[in-house]
């Protein structure tokens, strides 16, 4: 079953023009596989804005890992990330990709923005 989760808001950025940052966190642990994400930019951020969507990585869950990183952008859009599949020896299987697993809180981080800029993120998550 696929669920639409969100919006998860980054919070209002602070720190100055072109260097403001902010981090927002999902209200609950997300479980399943990330199918896609939509990023909506709010308050006219500059084209230098970076958005990182990642897991929180607080123990006892695995360390944080990036789900999507969009650099130097301010245009709304959908993203469909995949990860490389590895064999049992740890070697990447050529041209083989799969959905990213989720079992953690999700963080939405913006950087290189202006004061008050923020983003909303919606996630398509497939659960068993």
N, C-alpha and C. Protein backbone atom coordinates (compact mmCIF):
# COMPACT_ATOMS: atom_id res chain seq x y z
N UNK A 1 0.84 -1.17 0.00
CA UNK A 1 0.00 0.00 0.00
C UNK A 1 0.89 1.24 0.00
N UNK A 2 0.57 2.22 -0.83
CA UNK A 2 1.34 3.46 -0.90
C UNK A 2 0.58 4.56 -0.18
N UNK A 3 1.30 5.28 0.70
CA UNK A 3 0.72 6.39 1.46
C UNK A 3 1.41 7.69 1.10
N UNK A 4 0.65 8.78 1.13
CA UNK A 4 1.21 10.11 0.97
C UNK A 4 1.36 10.71 2.36
N UNK A 5 2.59 11.05 2.73
CA UNK A 5 2.89 11.58 4.06
C UNK A 5 3.35 13.02 3.90
N UNK A 6 2.78 13.89 4.71
CA UNK A 6 3.22 15.28 4.68
C UNK A 6 2.06 16.24 4.72
N UNK A 7 2.40 17.51 4.66
CA UNK A 7 3.75 18.00 4.42
C UNK A 7 4.61 17.96 5.69
N UNK A 8 5.89 17.75 5.48
CA UNK A 8 6.90 17.92 6.52
C UNK A 8 7.58 19.24 6.18
N UNK A 9 7.49 20.21 7.08
CA UNK A 9 8.03 21.54 6.82
C UNK A 9 9.42 21.66 7.41
N UNK A 10 10.31 22.34 6.70
CA UNK A 10 11.68 22.54 7.17
C UNK A 10 11.78 23.51 8.33
N UNK A 11 10.74 24.29 8.53
CA UNK A 11 10.81 25.38 9.50
C UNK A 11 11.37 26.61 8.82
N UNK A 12 11.20 27.73 9.44
CA UNK A 12 11.61 29.01 8.88
C UNK A 12 13.12 29.20 9.05
N UNK A 13 13.81 29.44 7.94
CA UNK A 13 15.27 29.57 7.96
C UNK A 13 15.70 30.87 8.66
N UNK A 14 16.84 30.78 9.34
CA UNK A 14 17.44 31.94 9.98
C UNK A 14 18.94 31.94 9.71
N UNK A 15 19.56 33.13 9.78
CA UNK A 15 21.00 33.20 9.65
C UNK A 15 21.50 34.23 8.66
N UNK A 16 20.61 34.80 7.85
CA UNK A 16 21.03 35.83 6.91
C UNK A 16 20.83 35.45 5.46
N UNK A 17 20.86 36.46 4.61
CA UNK A 17 20.61 36.27 3.18
C UNK A 17 21.66 35.36 2.55
N UNK A 18 21.17 34.29 1.91
CA UNK A 18 22.04 33.35 1.21
C UNK A 18 22.75 32.34 2.08
N UNK A 19 22.60 32.45 3.41
CA UNK A 19 23.28 31.51 4.32
C UNK A 19 22.34 30.96 5.39
N UNK A 20 21.05 31.29 5.32
CA UNK A 20 20.10 30.86 6.34
C UNK A 20 19.84 29.35 6.24
N UNK A 21 19.61 28.73 7.40
CA UNK A 21 19.37 27.28 7.47
C UNK A 21 18.19 26.99 8.38
N UNK A 22 17.67 25.78 8.26
CA UNK A 22 16.61 25.31 9.13
C UNK A 22 16.45 23.80 8.96
N UNK A 23 15.94 23.16 10.01
CA UNK A 23 15.68 21.72 9.98
C UNK A 23 14.32 21.42 10.59
N UNK A 24 13.51 20.63 9.86
CA UNK A 24 12.24 20.14 10.37
C UNK A 24 12.27 18.62 10.42
N UNK A 25 11.47 18.03 11.31
CA UNK A 25 11.48 16.57 11.50
C UNK A 25 10.05 16.05 11.44
N UNK A 26 9.87 14.89 10.81
CA UNK A 26 8.54 14.26 10.74
C UNK A 26 8.00 14.03 12.15
N UNK A 27 6.69 14.02 12.27
CA UNK A 27 6.06 13.85 13.58
C UNK A 27 6.06 12.42 14.09
N UNK A 28 6.43 11.47 13.24
CA UNK A 28 6.47 10.07 13.65
C UNK A 28 7.53 9.33 12.84
N UNK A 29 7.84 8.13 13.29
CA UNK A 29 8.77 7.27 12.56
C UNK A 29 8.07 6.79 11.30
N UNK A 30 8.75 6.89 10.17
CA UNK A 30 8.20 6.42 8.90
C UNK A 30 8.75 5.03 8.61
N UNK A 31 7.88 4.11 8.21
CA UNK A 31 8.25 2.72 7.96
C UNK A 31 7.83 2.32 6.56
N UNK A 32 8.76 1.78 5.79
CA UNK A 32 8.44 1.32 4.45
C UNK A 32 9.56 1.63 3.49
N UNK A 33 9.20 1.91 2.25
CA UNK A 33 10.16 2.22 1.19
C UNK A 33 9.78 3.53 0.54
N UNK A 34 10.76 4.42 0.37
CA UNK A 34 10.51 5.71 -0.26
C UNK A 34 10.35 5.53 -1.76
N UNK A 35 9.18 5.89 -2.27
CA UNK A 35 8.88 5.79 -3.70
C UNK A 35 9.19 7.11 -4.39
N UNK A 36 8.82 8.22 -3.75
CA UNK A 36 9.04 9.53 -4.34
C UNK A 36 8.82 10.63 -3.33
N UNK A 37 9.24 11.84 -3.68
CA UNK A 37 9.07 12.99 -2.81
C UNK A 37 8.81 14.24 -3.64
N UNK A 38 7.95 15.10 -3.11
CA UNK A 38 7.70 16.40 -3.74
C UNK A 38 8.24 17.48 -2.82
N UNK A 39 9.01 18.42 -3.38
CA UNK A 39 9.53 19.55 -2.64
C UNK A 39 8.85 20.81 -3.15
N UNK A 40 8.26 21.57 -2.22
CA UNK A 40 7.62 22.85 -2.54
C UNK A 40 8.37 23.95 -1.79
N UNK A 41 8.93 24.90 -2.54
CA UNK A 41 9.69 26.02 -1.97
C UNK A 41 8.72 27.14 -1.60
N UNK A 42 8.89 27.70 -0.38
CA UNK A 42 8.02 28.76 0.11
C UNK A 42 8.82 30.03 0.41
N UNK A 43 8.21 31.19 0.20
CA UNK A 43 8.76 32.50 0.53
C UNK A 43 9.91 32.92 -0.38
N UNK A 44 9.90 32.54 -1.64
CA UNK A 44 10.86 32.98 -2.66
C UNK A 44 12.33 32.78 -2.30
N UNK A 45 12.75 31.55 -2.02
CA UNK A 45 14.17 31.31 -1.72
C UNK A 45 15.05 31.53 -2.95
N UNK A 46 16.34 31.82 -2.72
CA UNK A 46 17.25 32.02 -3.86
C UNK A 46 17.55 30.70 -4.56
N UNK A 47 18.05 30.80 -5.79
CA UNK A 47 18.39 29.61 -6.58
C UNK A 47 19.58 28.85 -6.00
N UNK A 48 20.20 29.38 -4.95
CA UNK A 48 21.32 28.68 -4.29
C UNK A 48 20.84 27.73 -3.19
N UNK A 49 19.54 27.66 -2.96
CA UNK A 49 19.01 26.87 -1.85
C UNK A 49 19.28 25.38 -2.03
N UNK A 50 19.76 24.77 -0.94
CA UNK A 50 19.99 23.32 -0.90
C UNK A 50 18.94 22.68 0.00
N UNK A 51 18.39 21.54 -0.42
CA UNK A 51 17.45 20.77 0.38
C UNK A 51 17.99 19.36 0.54
N UNK A 52 18.08 18.92 1.80
CA UNK A 52 18.49 17.55 2.09
C UNK A 52 17.36 16.88 2.86
N UNK A 53 16.90 15.75 2.34
CA UNK A 53 15.91 14.93 3.03
C UNK A 53 16.67 13.68 3.47
N UNK A 54 16.70 13.44 4.78
CA UNK A 54 17.50 12.34 5.32
C UNK A 54 16.81 11.71 6.53
N UNK A 55 17.33 10.57 6.96
CA UNK A 55 16.83 9.97 8.18
C UNK A 55 17.48 10.67 9.36
N UNK A 56 16.84 10.62 10.53
CA UNK A 56 17.38 11.31 11.70
C UNK A 56 18.61 10.60 12.26
N UNK A 57 18.57 9.27 12.30
CA UNK A 57 19.74 8.51 12.71
C UNK A 57 20.05 8.51 14.19
N UNK A 58 19.05 8.73 15.04
CA UNK A 58 19.27 8.71 16.48
C UNK A 58 19.17 7.28 16.99
N UNK A 59 20.15 6.87 17.79
CA UNK A 59 20.18 5.52 18.35
C UNK A 59 18.86 5.23 19.05
N UNK A 60 18.30 4.05 18.88
CA UNK A 60 18.90 2.80 18.43
C UNK A 60 18.74 2.54 16.92
N UNK A 61 18.25 3.51 16.17
CA UNK A 61 18.12 3.33 14.73
C UNK A 61 19.47 3.49 14.05
N UNK A 62 19.61 3.02 12.80
CA UNK A 62 20.89 3.14 12.10
C UNK A 62 21.32 4.60 11.94
N UNK A 63 22.61 4.84 11.70
CA UNK A 63 23.08 6.22 11.47
C UNK A 63 22.31 6.87 10.33
N UNK A 64 22.28 8.19 10.36
CA UNK A 64 21.56 8.95 9.35
C UNK A 64 22.09 8.65 7.94
N UNK A 65 21.20 8.70 6.98
CA UNK A 65 21.60 8.58 5.57
C UNK A 65 20.68 9.45 4.74
N UNK A 66 21.24 9.96 3.64
CA UNK A 66 20.49 10.85 2.76
C UNK A 66 19.51 10.06 1.91
N UNK A 67 18.31 10.61 1.78
CA UNK A 67 17.30 10.05 0.89
C UNK A 67 17.28 10.82 -0.44
N UNK A 68 17.33 12.14 -0.33
CA UNK A 68 17.36 13.02 -1.51
C UNK A 68 18.17 14.26 -1.15
N UNK A 69 19.03 14.69 -2.05
CA UNK A 69 19.76 15.95 -1.90
C UNK A 69 19.57 16.73 -3.20
N UNK A 70 18.98 17.92 -3.08
CA UNK A 70 18.77 18.80 -4.23
C UNK A 70 19.54 20.08 -3.96
N UNK A 71 20.55 20.35 -4.76
CA UNK A 71 21.42 21.51 -4.55
C UNK A 71 21.14 22.62 -5.54
N UNK A 72 21.29 23.84 -5.06
CA UNK A 72 21.18 25.05 -5.89
C UNK A 72 19.91 25.05 -6.74
N UNK A 73 18.78 25.03 -6.04
CA UNK A 73 17.50 24.94 -6.72
C UNK A 73 16.45 25.72 -5.94
N UNK A 74 15.42 26.18 -6.60
CA UNK A 74 14.29 26.82 -5.93
C UNK A 74 13.00 26.57 -6.71
N UNK A 75 12.98 25.48 -7.48
CA UNK A 75 11.83 25.14 -8.31
C UNK A 75 11.14 23.90 -7.76
N UNK A 76 9.84 24.00 -7.49
CA UNK A 76 9.07 22.86 -6.99
C UNK A 76 9.22 21.67 -7.92
N UNK A 77 9.18 20.46 -7.36
CA UNK A 77 9.25 19.29 -8.22
C UNK A 77 9.18 17.97 -7.47
N UNK A 78 8.94 16.91 -8.26
CA UNK A 78 8.92 15.53 -7.77
C UNK A 78 10.28 14.89 -8.01
N UNK A 79 10.69 14.02 -7.09
CA UNK A 79 11.95 13.29 -7.18
C UNK A 79 11.69 11.83 -6.84
N UNK A 80 12.37 10.93 -7.55
CA UNK A 80 12.16 9.48 -7.39
C UNK A 80 13.52 8.80 -7.16
N UNK A 81 14.02 8.83 -5.93
CA UNK A 81 15.36 8.30 -5.66
C UNK A 81 15.39 6.77 -5.64
N UNK A 82 16.56 6.24 -5.96
CA UNK A 82 16.81 4.79 -5.90
C UNK A 82 18.21 4.59 -5.34
N UNK A 83 18.46 3.40 -4.83
CA UNK A 83 19.78 3.06 -4.32
C UNK A 83 20.33 1.86 -5.06
N UNK A 84 21.64 1.77 -5.15
CA UNK A 84 22.29 0.65 -5.81
C UNK A 84 22.11 -0.62 -4.99
N UNK A 85 21.82 -1.72 -5.65
CA UNK A 85 21.70 -3.03 -5.00
C UNK A 85 23.09 -3.65 -4.93
N UNK A 86 23.40 -4.32 -3.81
CA UNK A 86 24.69 -4.97 -3.61
C UNK A 86 24.51 -6.47 -3.44
N UNK A 87 25.51 -7.23 -3.88
CA UNK A 87 25.46 -8.68 -3.66
C UNK A 87 25.93 -8.99 -2.24
N UNK A 88 25.94 -10.27 -1.86
CA UNK A 88 26.27 -10.64 -0.48
C UNK A 88 27.73 -10.35 -0.12
N UNK A 89 28.58 -10.13 -1.10
CA UNK A 89 29.98 -9.77 -0.84
C UNK A 89 30.14 -8.24 -0.72
N UNK A 90 29.05 -7.50 -0.93
CA UNK A 90 29.10 -6.05 -0.82
C UNK A 90 29.40 -5.32 -2.11
N UNK A 91 29.54 -6.04 -3.20
CA UNK A 91 29.83 -5.41 -4.49
C UNK A 91 28.53 -4.92 -5.14
N UNK A 92 28.59 -3.74 -5.75
CA UNK A 92 27.42 -3.19 -6.44
C UNK A 92 27.05 -4.06 -7.63
N UNK A 93 25.76 -4.32 -7.77
CA UNK A 93 25.26 -5.09 -8.91
C UNK A 93 24.99 -4.09 -10.03
N UNK A 94 25.66 -4.23 -11.13
CA UNK A 94 25.62 -3.28 -12.24
C UNK A 94 24.19 -3.01 -12.71
N UNK A 95 23.84 -1.73 -12.79
CA UNK A 95 22.55 -1.26 -13.32
C UNK A 95 21.35 -1.85 -12.59
N UNK A 96 21.50 -2.12 -11.28
CA UNK A 96 20.40 -2.66 -10.48
C UNK A 96 20.12 -1.72 -9.32
N UNK A 97 18.89 -1.22 -9.25
CA UNK A 97 18.52 -0.22 -8.25
C UNK A 97 17.23 -0.64 -7.56
N UNK A 98 17.04 -0.12 -6.34
CA UNK A 98 15.84 -0.44 -5.58
C UNK A 98 15.42 0.78 -4.76
N UNK A 99 14.22 0.73 -4.19
CA UNK A 99 13.73 1.81 -3.35
C UNK A 99 14.54 1.90 -2.06
N UNK A 100 14.56 3.10 -1.46
CA UNK A 100 15.28 3.32 -0.21
C UNK A 100 14.42 2.91 0.97
N UNK A 101 14.95 2.10 1.89
CA UNK A 101 14.18 1.69 3.05
C UNK A 101 14.08 2.80 4.09
N UNK A 102 12.96 2.84 4.80
CA UNK A 102 12.74 3.81 5.87
C UNK A 102 12.31 3.09 7.14
N UNK A 103 12.92 3.43 8.25
CA UNK A 103 12.46 3.02 9.57
C UNK A 103 13.05 4.00 10.57
N UNK A 104 12.62 5.26 10.45
CA UNK A 104 13.20 6.33 11.25
C UNK A 104 12.36 7.59 11.06
N UNK A 105 12.64 8.60 11.89
CA UNK A 105 12.11 9.93 11.63
C UNK A 105 12.82 10.46 10.40
N UNK A 106 12.16 11.34 9.65
CA UNK A 106 12.77 11.95 8.47
C UNK A 106 12.97 13.43 8.74
N UNK A 107 14.17 13.92 8.40
CA UNK A 107 14.51 15.33 8.54
C UNK A 107 14.47 16.02 7.19
N UNK A 108 14.03 17.27 7.19
CA UNK A 108 14.07 18.12 6.02
C UNK A 108 14.95 19.32 6.38
N UNK A 109 16.09 19.43 5.71
CA UNK A 109 17.08 20.46 6.03
C UNK A 109 17.22 21.39 4.82
N UNK A 110 17.18 22.72 5.07
CA UNK A 110 17.49 23.66 4.01
C UNK A 110 18.73 24.45 4.41
N UNK A 111 19.51 24.83 3.41
CA UNK A 111 20.72 25.62 3.61
C UNK A 111 20.87 26.58 2.44
N UNK A 112 21.70 27.60 2.64
CA UNK A 112 21.97 28.62 1.62
C UNK A 112 20.71 29.35 1.18
N UNK A 113 19.76 29.46 2.11
CA UNK A 113 18.50 30.15 1.84
C UNK A 113 18.56 31.55 2.43
N UNK A 114 17.43 32.24 2.39
CA UNK A 114 17.29 33.56 3.03
C UNK A 114 16.44 33.41 4.29
N UNK A 115 16.49 34.40 5.17
CA UNK A 115 15.65 34.38 6.36
C UNK A 115 14.19 34.19 5.97
N UNK A 116 13.48 33.37 6.74
CA UNK A 116 12.05 33.07 6.58
C UNK A 116 11.74 32.08 5.46
N UNK A 117 12.70 31.74 4.59
CA UNK A 117 12.45 30.72 3.56
C UNK A 117 12.20 29.37 4.24
N UNK A 118 11.42 28.53 3.58
CA UNK A 118 11.16 27.18 4.08
C UNK A 118 10.66 26.32 2.94
N UNK A 119 10.64 25.01 3.15
CA UNK A 119 10.09 24.10 2.15
C UNK A 119 9.11 23.15 2.81
N UNK A 120 8.15 22.68 2.02
CA UNK A 120 7.24 21.60 2.41
C UNK A 120 7.62 20.39 1.59
N UNK A 121 7.62 19.22 2.24
CA UNK A 121 7.97 17.96 1.56
C UNK A 121 6.85 16.95 1.80
N UNK A 122 6.40 16.33 0.72
CA UNK A 122 5.47 15.23 0.78
C UNK A 122 6.20 13.97 0.32
N UNK A 123 6.00 12.86 1.01
CA UNK A 123 6.67 11.60 0.69
C UNK A 123 5.66 10.55 0.28
N UNK A 124 5.94 9.83 -0.80
CA UNK A 124 5.18 8.64 -1.16
C UNK A 124 5.93 7.45 -0.57
N UNK A 125 5.30 6.74 0.36
CA UNK A 125 5.94 5.63 1.06
C UNK A 125 5.12 4.37 0.87
N UNK A 126 5.80 3.31 0.44
CA UNK A 126 5.15 2.01 0.30
C UNK A 126 5.41 1.18 1.55
N UNK A 127 4.34 0.66 2.13
CA UNK A 127 4.48 -0.18 3.32
C UNK A 127 3.90 -1.55 3.02
N UNK A 128 4.34 -2.50 3.80
CA UNK A 128 3.90 -3.89 3.60
C UNK A 128 2.59 -4.11 4.19
